Amino acid sequence: MGRWVVRYAMAVVMLSVSAHALAEAPPQFETVERYASIVTEGGSLATTALNSVLAADMVFAEYALHWSDHRATAAHAHIWTLLDANVRLEVDFEATLAGGSVVVTRERMWGDDAPEALAPLRSTVVYVVAGDRIQSITRVLDTEQRDVLMREALIGTWYAGAGVMRLDADGGYRLAGSRSLLESAPLDSGTYAIEDGRWRVVSDDTTSLCQPADEGVWLIHTKTPDTFELVEVEEMCRTSQGRGQAPGTRLRAMRALH
């Protein structure tokens, strides 16, 4: 299953949930509960027990900071990492589609890898169940929790377009023509915030590229741990070297590793 197929299927399910939210849990939800119970209980027999509820060629897709998907043995291996992290799952039935074969749940997850301040991680999870086997799991982390993870993940220095951008933990922002000029001669500086999947930047009174208080709003998408993409929504700073060009303009950033 291609990544775009997973995203499309998830969108269709979420658009359909409201019409089915009052449906009773189908028998397939028992398979979902069994899967959650096996992961939560762990132990030496967990792998064998999971093999009894997971299809051999299943797909596991997840949207936390960015989309990832795994198929067959790679999907099973990904689920084994949940066992290694001592994950505990609680699932609540939300809706069903396709005669019960598609089960939409709300999930709470605790584990060694989950940030303590965010625990439990909250997600909408869609299971496709055929017979007594799970064919696919698609987990989408709640937006507000993704925002928190993204704020932490984006702290650092990034090559963006023809310039270099630094995002500080205190919400400070700097843009320069090179890394050596970030401190001494930034072209633009100010503050930034991430909320509801949007990156909002406001220039301060030391900017030389924009006007003080110029505000830009961009959609932000992490692609990998070391790349993210900004898509312009609206931008007040529109000089010849400005941050913005036109709505829909895309700007890819890559982490400066050295």
C-alpha atoms as a PDB file:
ATOM      1  CA  MET A   1       0.000   0.000   0.000  1.00  0.00           C
ATOM      2  CA  GLY A   2       1.548   3.305  -1.069  1.00  0.00           C
ATOM      3  CA  ARG A   3       1.777   6.126   1.429  1.00  0.00           C
ATOM      4  CA  TRP A   4      -0.687   8.235  -0.560  1.00  0.00           C
ATOM      5  CA  VAL A   5      -3.202   5.374  -0.414  1.00  0.00           C
ATOM      6  CA  VAL A   6      -2.902   5.233   3.381  1.00  0.00           C
ATOM      7  CA  ARG A   7      -3.473   8.990   3.632  1.00  0.00           C
ATOM      8  CA  TYR A   8      -6.436   8.893   1.264  1.00  0.00           C
ATOM      9  CA  ALA A   9      -8.023   6.002   3.134  1.00  0.00           C
ATOM     10  CA  MET A  10      -7.558   7.808   6.430  1.00  0.00           C
ATOM     11  CA  ALA A  11      -9.181  10.964   5.048  1.00  0.00           C
ATOM     12  CA  VAL A  12     -12.175   9.031   3.728  1.00  0.00           C
ATOM     13  CA  VAL A  13     -12.632   7.286   7.067  1.00  0.00           C
ATOM     14  CA  MET A  14     -12.439  10.500   9.072  1.00  0.00           C
ATOM     15  CA  LEU A  15     -14.940  12.243   6.798  1.00  0.00           C
ATOM     16  CA  SER A  16     -17.316   9.324   7.269  1.00  0.00           C
ATOM     17  CA  VAL A  17     -17.004   8.939  11.037  1.00  0.00           C
ATOM     18  CA  SER A  18     -19.691  11.461  11.967  1.00  0.00           C
ATOM     19  CA  ALA A  19     -22.327   9.498  10.083  1.00  0.00           C
ATOM     20  CA  HIS A  20     -21.460   6.272  11.869  1.00  0.00           C
ATOM     21  CA  ALA A  21     -20.344   7.457  15.296  1.00  0.00           C
ATOM     22  CA  LEU A  22     -23.399   5.988  17.029  1.00  0.00           C
ATOM     23  CA  ALA A  23     -22.973   2.523  15.542  1.00  0.00           C
ATOM     24  CA  GLU A  24     -22.411  -0.337  17.968  1.00  0.00           C
ATOM     25  CA  ALA A  25     -19.012  -1.971  18.123  1.00  0.00           C
ATOM     26  CA  PRO A  26     -18.840  -4.809  15.575  1.00  0.00           C
ATOM     27  CA  PRO A  27     -17.395  -8.234  16.413  1.00  0.00           C
ATOM     28  CA  GLN A  28     -14.142  -7.152  14.722  1.00  0.00           C
ATOM     29  CA  PHE A  29     -13.541  -4.735  17.592  1.00  0.00           C
ATOM     30  CA  GLU A  30     -12.889  -7.749  19.794  1.00  0.00           C
ATOM     31  CA  THR A  31      -9.849  -8.492  17.621  1.00  0.00           C
ATOM     32  CA  VAL A  32      -8.653  -4.913  18.133  1.00  0.00           C
ATOM     33  CA  GLU A  33      -9.104  -5.247  21.896  1.00  0.00           C
ATOM     34  CA  ARG A  34      -7.190  -8.512  21.873  1.00  0.00           C
ATOM     35  CA  TYR A  35      -4.313  -6.869  19.985  1.00  0.00           C
ATOM     36  CA  ALA A  36      -4.199  -3.988  22.511  1.00  0.00           C
ATOM     37  CA  SER A  37      -4.296  -6.436  25.404  1.00  0.00           C
ATOM     38  CA  ILE A  38      -1.423  -8.519  24.017  1.00  0.00           C
ATOM     39  CA  VAL A  39       0.757  -5.429  23.491  1.00  0.00           C
ATOM     40  CA  THR A  40      -0.057  -4.131  26.971  1.00  0.00           C
ATOM     41  CA  GLU A  41       0.587  -7.404  28.781  1.00  0.00           C
ATOM     42  CA  GLY A  42       3.815  -8.130  26.874  1.00  0.00           C
ATOM     43  CA  GLY A  43       5.808 -11.085  28.130  1.00  0.00           C
ATOM     44  CA  SER A  44       7.637 -13.942  26.458  1.00  0.00           C
ATOM     45  CA  LEU A  45       4.548 -15.251  24.665  1.00  0.00           C
ATOM     46  CA  ALA A  46       3.480 -11.882  23.225  1.00  0.00           C
ATOM     47  CA  THR A  47       5.130 -12.441  19.837  1.00  0.00           C
ATOM     48  CA  THR A  48       3.307 -15.741  19.303  1.00  0.00           C
ATOM     49  CA  ALA A  49       0.029 -14.229  20.480  1.00  0.00           C
ATOM     50  CA  LEU A  50       0.393 -11.247  18.131  1.00  0.00           C
ATOM     51  CA  ASN A  51       1.035 -13.561  15.184  1.00  0.00           C
ATOM     52  CA  SER A  52      -2.434 -14.980  15.821  1.00  0.00           C
ATOM     53  CA  VAL A  53      -4.144 -11.597  15.284  1.00  0.00           C
ATOM     54  CA  LEU A  54      -1.898  -9.888  12.701  1.00  0.00           C
ATOM     55  CA  ALA A  55      -2.066 -10.699   8.991  1.00  0.00           C
ATOM     56  CA  ALA A  56       1.282 -11.724   7.534  1.00  0.00           C
ATOM     57  CA  ASP A  57       1.207  -8.936   4.926  1.00  0.00           C
ATOM     58  CA  MET A  58      -0.348  -6.272   7.159  1.00  0.00           C
ATOM     59  CA  VAL A  59       0.437  -2.547   6.841  1.00  0.00           C
ATOM     60  CA  PHE A  60       1.268  -0.312   9.812  1.00  0.00           C
ATOM     61  CA  ALA A  61       1.105   3.426   9.033  1.00  0.00           C
ATOM     62  CA  GLU A  62       1.620   6.259  11.463  1.00  0.00           C
ATOM     63  CA  TYR A  63       1.468  10.038  11.402  1.00  0.00           C
ATOM     64  CA  ALA A  64       3.246  11.465  14.423  1.00  0.00           C
ATOM     65  CA  LEU A  65       5.829  14.037  13.359  1.00  0.00           C
ATOM     66  CA  HIS A  66       5.754  12.719   9.789  1.00  0.00           C
ATOM     67  CA  TRP A  67       4.189   9.858   7.861  1.00  0.00           C
ATOM     68  CA  SER A  68       5.807   6.454   8.044  1.00  0.00           C
ATOM     69  CA  ASP A  69       4.518   3.111   6.864  1.00  0.00           C
ATOM     70  CA  HIS A  70       5.693  -0.484   7.052  1.00  0.00           C
ATOM     71  CA  ARG A  71       4.485  -3.662   5.363  1.00  0.00           C
ATOM     72  CA  ALA A  72       4.613  -7.362   6.201  1.00  0.00           C
ATOM     73  CA  THR A  73       7.724  -8.322   8.183  1.00  0.00           C
ATOM     74  CA  ALA A  74       8.693  -4.668   8.615  1.00  0.00           C
ATOM     75  CA  ALA A  75       5.242  -3.930  10.076  1.00  0.00           C
ATOM     76  CA  HIS A  76       5.552  -6.844  12.491  1.00  0.00           C
ATOM     77  CA  ALA A  77       9.031  -5.691  13.490  1.00  0.00           C
ATOM     78  CA  HIS A  78       7.674  -2.210  14.172  1.00  0.00           C
ATOM     79  CA  ILE A  79       5.049  -3.657  16.491  1.00  0.00           C
ATOM     80  CA  TRP A  80       7.732  -5.672  18.318  1.00  0.00           C
ATOM     81  CA  THR A  81       9.353  -2.314  19.173  1.00  0.00           C
ATOM     82  CA  LEU A  82       6.169  -1.455  21.069  1.00  0.00           C
ATOM     83  CA  LEU A  83       6.760  -4.502  23.224  1.00  0.00           C
ATOM     84  CA  ASP A  84      10.383  -3.479  23.803  1.00  0.00           C
ATOM     85  CA  ALA A  85       9.194  -0.021  24.895  1.00  0.00           C
ATOM     86  CA  ASN A  86       6.741  -1.520  27.416  1.00  0.00           C
ATOM     87  CA  VAL A  87       3.835   0.164  25.681  1.00  0.00           C
ATOM     88  CA  ARG A  88       0.409   0.148  27.285  1.00  0.00           C
ATOM     89  CA  LEU A  89      -2.620   0.733  25.059  1.00  0.00           C
ATOM     90  CA  GLU A  90      -6.170   1.703  25.905  1.00  0.00           C
ATOM     91  CA  VAL A  91      -8.618   1.719  23.001  1.00  0.00           C
ATOM     92  CA  ASP A  92     -12.186   3.008  22.853  1.00  0.00           C
ATOM     93  CA  PHE A  93     -14.545   2.242  20.003  1.00  0.00           C
ATOM     94  CA  GLU A  94     -15.573   5.287  17.959  1.00  0.00           C
ATOM     95  CA  ALA A  95     -17.116   4.150  14.689  1.00  0.00           C
ATOM     96  CA  THR A  96     -17.335   1.391  12.118  1.00  0.00           C
ATOM     97  CA  LEU A  97     -17.501   1.289   8.333  1.00  0.00           C
ATOM     98  CA  ALA A  98     -17.657  -1.290   5.563  1.00  0.00           C
ATOM     99  CA  GLY A  99     -19.868  -3.689   7.477  1.00  0.00           C
ATOM    100  CA  GLY A 100     -17.575  -3.730  10.486  1.00  0.00           C
ATOM    101  CA  SER A 101     -14.313  -4.472   8.701  1.00  0.00           C
ATOM    102  CA  VAL A 102     -13.094  -0.911   9.297  1.00  0.00           C
ATOM    103  CA  VAL A 103     -12.956  -0.010  12.985  1.00  0.00           C
ATOM    104  CA  VAL A 104     -12.182   3.542  14.119  1.00  0.00           C
ATOM    105  CA  THR A 105     -10.889   3.922  17.680  1.00  0.00           C
ATOM    106  CA  ARG A 106      -9.540   6.515  20.045  1.00  0.00           C
ATOM    107  CA  GLU A 107      -6.283   5.346  21.584  1.00  0.00           C
ATOM    108  CA  ARG A 108      -4.206   6.332  24.597  1.00  0.00           C
ATOM    109  CA  MET A 109      -0.635   5.073  24.710  1.00  0.00           C
ATOM    110  CA  TRP A 110       1.966   5.010  27.475  1.00  0.00           C
ATOM    111  CA  GLY A 111       5.498   3.706  27.028  1.00  0.00           C
ATOM    112  CA  ASP A 112       9.202   4.204  27.667  1.00  0.00           C
ATOM    113  CA  ASP A 113       9.590   6.238  24.458  1.00  0.00           C
ATOM    114  CA  ALA A 114       6.592   8.520  25.053  1.00  0.00           C
ATOM    115  CA  PRO A 115       7.551  11.968  26.404  1.00  0.00           C
ATOM    116  CA  GLU A 116       6.494  12.050  30.042  1.00  0.00           C
ATOM    117  CA  ALA A 117       4.940  15.509  29.695  1.00  0.00           C
ATOM    118  CA  LEU A 118       2.654  14.268  26.909  1.00  0.00           C
ATOM    119  CA  ALA A 119       1.688  10.883  28.325  1.00  0.00           C
ATOM    120  CA  PRO A 120      -0.572   9.412  27.330  1.00  0.00           C
ATOM    121  CA  LEU A 121      -0.135   9.982  23.623  1.00  0.00           C
ATOM    122  CA  ARG A 122      -3.599  10.354  22.090  1.00  0.00           C
ATOM    123  CA  SER A 123      -4.407   9.179  18.587  1.00  0.00           C
ATOM    124  CA  THR A 124      -7.193   8.282  16.233  1.00  0.00           C
ATOM    125  CA  VAL A 125      -6.467   4.779  14.989  1.00  0.00           C
ATOM    126  CA  VAL A 126      -8.148   2.970  12.097  1.00  0.00           C
ATOM    127  CA  TYR A 127      -8.005  -0.830  11.954  1.00  0.00           C
ATOM    128  CA  VAL A 128      -8.942  -2.920   8.932  1.00  0.00           C
ATOM    129  CA  VAL A 129      -9.945  -6.389  10.114  1.00  0.00           C
ATOM    130  CA  ALA A 130     -10.713  -9.413   7.950  1.00  0.00           C
ATOM    131  CA  GLY A 131     -11.973 -12.456   9.822  1.00  0.00           C
ATOM    132  CA  ASP A 132      -9.943 -12.512  13.022  1.00  0.00           C
ATOM    133  CA  ARG A 133      -6.820 -10.895  11.521  1.00  0.00           C
ATOM    134  CA  ILE A 134      -5.797  -7.235  11.438  1.00  0.00           C
ATOM    135  CA  GLN A 135      -4.909  -6.262   7.876  1.00  0.00           C
ATOM    136  CA  SER A 136      -3.782  -2.705   8.604  1.00  0.00           C
ATOM    137  CA  ILE A 137      -3.339  -0.191  11.412  1.00  0.00           C
ATOM    138  CA  THR A 138      -3.251   3.555  10.698  1.00  0.00           C
ATOM    139  CA  ARG A 139      -2.471   5.775  13.687  1.00  0.00           C
ATOM    140  CA  VAL A 140      -2.746   9.589  13.575  1.00  0.00           C
ATOM    141  CA  LEU A 141      -1.501  11.533  16.585  1.00  0.00           C
ATOM    142  CA  ASP A 142      -3.698  14.376  17.858  1.00  0.00           C
ATOM    143  CA  THR A 143      -2.709  17.724  16.346  1.00  0.00           C
ATOM    144  CA  GLU A 144      -1.951  19.536  19.592  1.00  0.00           C
ATOM    145  CA  GLN A 145       0.434  16.802  20.686  1.00  0.00           C
ATOM    146  CA  ARG A 146       2.089  16.795  17.252  1.00  0.00           C
ATOM    147  CA  ASP A 147       2.609  20.555  17.641  1.00  0.00           C
ATOM    148  CA  VAL A 148       4.452  19.990  20.938  1.00  0.00           C
ATOM    149  CA  LEU A 149       6.691  17.300  19.439  1.00  0.00           C
ATOM    150  CA  MET A 150       7.346  19.492  16.402  1.00  0.00           C
ATOM    151  CA  ARG A 151       8.398  22.495  18.510  1.00  0.00           C
ATOM    152  CA  GLU A 152      11.040  20.331  20.159  1.00  0.00           C
ATOM    153  CA  ALA A 153      12.146  18.618  16.949  1.00  0.00           C
ATOM    154  CA  LEU A 154      12.672  21.866  15.016  1.00  0.00           C
ATOM    155  CA  ILE A 155      14.993  23.545  17.504  1.00  0.00           C
ATOM    156  CA  GLY A 156      18.294  24.086  15.731  1.00  0.00           C
ATOM    157  CA  THR A 157      19.840  25.456  12.551  1.00  0.00           C
ATOM    158  CA  TRP A 158      18.403  24.786   9.100  1.00  0.00           C
ATOM    159  CA  TYR A 159      19.371  25.482   5.492  1.00  0.00           C
ATOM    160  CA  ALA A 160      16.255  26.990   3.917  1.00  0.00           C
ATOM    161  CA  GLY A 161      16.256  28.177   0.317  1.00  0.00           C
ATOM    162  CA  ALA A 162      19.298  30.409  -0.214  1.00  0.00           C
ATOM    163  CA  GLY A 163      19.613  31.220   3.466  1.00  0.00           C
ATOM    164  CA  VAL A 164      20.135  29.729   6.900  1.00  0.00           C
ATOM    165  CA  MET A 165      17.495  29.791   9.617  1.00  0.00           C
ATOM    166  CA  ARG A 166      17.825  29.170  13.333  1.00  0.00           C
ATOM    167  CA  LEU A 167      14.913  28.284  15.600  1.00  0.00           C
ATOM    168  CA  ASP A 168      15.612  28.607  19.321  1.00  0.00           C
ATOM    169  CA  ALA A 169      13.923  26.842  22.223  1.00  0.00           C
ATOM    170  CA  ASP A 170      12.667  30.164  23.598  1.00  0.00           C
ATOM    171  CA  GLY A 171      10.713  30.907  20.410  1.00  0.00           C
ATOM    172  CA  GLY A 172      13.371  33.126  18.857  1.00  0.00           C
ATOM    173  CA  TYR A 173      13.931  33.107  15.090  1.00  0.00           C
ATOM    174  CA  ARG A 174      16.860  34.293  12.937  1.00  0.00           C
ATOM    175  CA  LEU A 175      17.455  34.246   9.175  1.00  0.00           C
ATOM    176  CA  ALA A 176      20.796  35.050   7.526  1.00  0.00           C
ATOM    177  CA  GLY A 177      22.711  34.515   4.314  1.00  0.00           C
ATOM    178  CA  SER A 178      25.163  32.164   6.047  1.00  0.00           C
ATOM    179  CA  ARG A 179      25.643  30.444   9.396  1.00  0.00           C
ATOM    180  CA  SER A 180      28.468  32.798  10.334  1.00  0.00           C
ATOM    181  CA  LEU A 181      26.106  35.779  10.082  1.00  0.00           C
ATOM    182  CA  LEU A 182      23.260  34.396  12.196  1.00  0.00           C
ATOM    183  CA  GLU A 183      24.521  36.126  15.331  1.00  0.00           C
ATOM    184  CA  SER A 184      26.305  39.177  13.963  1.00  0.00           C
ATOM    185  CA  ALA A 185      24.196  40.213  10.981  1.00  0.00           C
ATOM    186  CA  PRO A 186      20.873  38.410  10.577  1.00  0.00           C
ATOM    187  CA  LEU A 187      18.659  39.589   7.729  1.00  0.00           C
ATOM    188  CA  ASP A 188      15.529  38.888   9.729  1.00  0.00           C
ATOM    189  CA  SER A 189      14.834  38.061  13.352  1.00  0.00           C
ATOM    190  CA  GLY A 190      11.853  37.817  15.638  1.00  0.00           C
ATOM    191  CA  THR A 191       9.666  35.149  17.182  1.00  0.00           C
ATOM    192  CA  TYR A 192       7.924  32.032  15.942  1.00  0.00           C
ATOM    193  CA  ALA A 193       5.212  29.692  17.179  1.00  0.00           C
ATOM    194  CA  ILE A 194       3.726  26.393  15.987  1.00  0.00           C
ATOM    195  CA  GLU A 195       0.024  25.821  16.481  1.00  0.00           C
ATOM    196  CA  ASP A 196      -2.496  23.614  14.700  1.00  0.00           C
ATOM    197  CA  GLY A 197       0.107  22.596  12.127  1.00  0.00           C
ATOM    198  CA  ARG A 198       0.971  26.200  11.247  1.00  0.00           C
ATOM    199  CA  TRP A 199       4.255  28.033  11.645  1.00  0.00           C
ATOM    200  CA  ARG A 200       3.750  31.688  12.543  1.00  0.00           C
ATOM    201  CA  VAL A 201       6.699  34.085  12.453  1.00  0.00           C
ATOM    202  CA  VAL A 202       6.745  37.784  13.454  1.00  0.00           C
ATOM    203  CA  SER A 203       9.702  40.080  12.705  1.00  0.00           C
ATOM    204  CA  ASP A 204      11.100  42.205  15.517  1.00  0.00           C
ATOM    205  CA  ASP A 205      12.407  45.776  15.341  1.00  0.00           C
ATOM    206  CA  THR A 206      15.967  44.710  14.427  1.00  0.00           C
ATOM    207  CA  THR A 207      14.973  43.133  11.108  1.00  0.00           C
ATOM    208  CA  SER A 208      16.608  44.530   7.995  1.00  0.00           C
ATOM    209  CA  LEU A 209      14.779  42.365   5.499  1.00  0.00           C
ATOM    210  CA  CYS A 210      11.193  42.922   6.598  1.00  0.00           C
ATOM    211  CA  GLN A 211       9.317  45.569   8.538  1.00  0.00           C
ATOM    212  CA  PRO A 212       8.925  45.291  12.311  1.00  0.00           C
ATOM    213  CA  ALA A 213       5.808  43.272  13.187  1.00  0.00           C
ATOM    214  CA  ASP A 214       5.594  41.746   9.696  1.00  0.00           C
ATOM    215  CA  GLU A 215       3.839  38.429  10.202  1.00  0.00           C
ATOM    216  CA  GLY A 216       3.942  35.278   8.131  1.00  0.00           C
ATOM    217  CA  VAL A 217       1.804  32.162   8.406  1.00  0.00           C
ATOM    218  CA  TRP A 218       2.947  28.922   6.789  1.00  0.00           C
ATOM    219  CA  LEU A 219       1.749  25.331   6.933  1.00  0.00           C
ATOM    220  CA  ILE A 220       4.524  23.162   8.294  1.00  0.00           C
ATOM    221  CA  HIS A 221       5.140  19.495   7.497  1.00  0.00           C
ATOM    222  CA  THR A 222       8.056  17.418   8.753  1.00  0.00           C
ATOM    223  CA  LYS A 223       9.225  15.020   6.074  1.00  0.00           C
ATOM    224  CA  THR A 224      11.997  13.231   7.959  1.00  0.00           C
ATOM    225  CA  PRO A 225      13.765  13.916  11.273  1.00  0.00           C
ATOM    226  CA  ASP A 226      16.119  16.232   9.348  1.00  0.00           C
ATOM    227  CA  THR A 227      13.849  17.886   6.785  1.00  0.00           C
ATOM    228  CA  PHE A 228      10.645  19.881   6.894  1.00  0.00           C
ATOM    229  CA  GLU A 229       8.602  21.863   4.397  1.00  0.00           C
ATOM    230  CA  LEU A 230       6.830  25.201   4.746  1.00  0.00           C
ATOM    231  CA  VAL A 231       3.889  26.145   2.514  1.00  0.00           C
ATOM    232  CA  GLU A 232       2.991  29.824   2.481  1.00  0.00           C
ATOM    233  CA  VAL A 233      -0.522  30.750   3.601  1.00  0.00           C
ATOM    234  CA  GLU A 234      -0.084  34.492   3.993  1.00  0.00           C
ATOM    235  CA  GLU A 235       2.968  36.673   4.374  1.00  0.00           C
ATOM    236  CA  MET A 236       3.372  40.395   5.062  1.00  0.00           C
ATOM    237  CA  CYS A 237       7.125  40.428   4.354  1.00  0.00           C
ATOM    238  CA  ARG A 238       7.371  40.724   0.570  1.00  0.00           C
ATOM    239  CA  THR A 239      10.645  42.396  -0.363  1.00  0.00           C
ATOM    240  CA  SER A 240      12.747  41.151  -3.278  1.00  0.00           C
ATOM    241  CA  GLN A 241      14.575  38.964  -0.770  1.00  0.00           C
ATOM    242  CA  GLY A 242      11.564  38.521   1.483  1.00  0.00           C
ATOM    243  CA  ARG A 243      10.330  35.457   3.239  1.00  0.00           C
ATOM    244  CA  GLY A 244       7.226  35.190   1.097  1.00  0.00           C
ATOM    245  CA  GLN A 245       6.580  35.049  -2.627  1.00  0.00           C
ATOM    246  CA  ALA A 246       2.933  34.009  -3.052  1.00  0.00           C
ATOM    247  CA  PRO A 247       0.418  31.775  -1.267  1.00  0.00           C
ATOM    248  CA  GLY A 248       1.256  28.169  -1.968  1.00  0.00           C
ATOM    249  CA  THR A 249       4.998  28.823  -2.247  1.00  0.00           C
ATOM    250  CA  ARG A 250       6.951  25.883  -0.827  1.00  0.00           C
ATOM    251  CA  LEU A 251      10.194  26.156   1.082  1.00  0.00           C
ATOM    252  CA  ARG A 252      12.124  23.065   2.102  1.00  0.00           C
ATOM    253  CA  ALA A 253      14.501  23.151   5.064  1.00  0.00           C
ATOM    254  CA  MET A 254      17.315  20.714   5.832  1.00  0.00           C
ATOM    255  CA  ARG A 255      19.011  20.437   9.197  1.00  0.00           C
ATOM    256  CA  ALA A 256      22.556  21.794   9.398  1.00  0.00           C
ATOM    257  CA  LEU A 257      24.290  18.790  10.922  1.00  0.00           C
ATOM    258  CA  HIS A 258      27.779  20.286  11.299  1.00  0.00           C
END
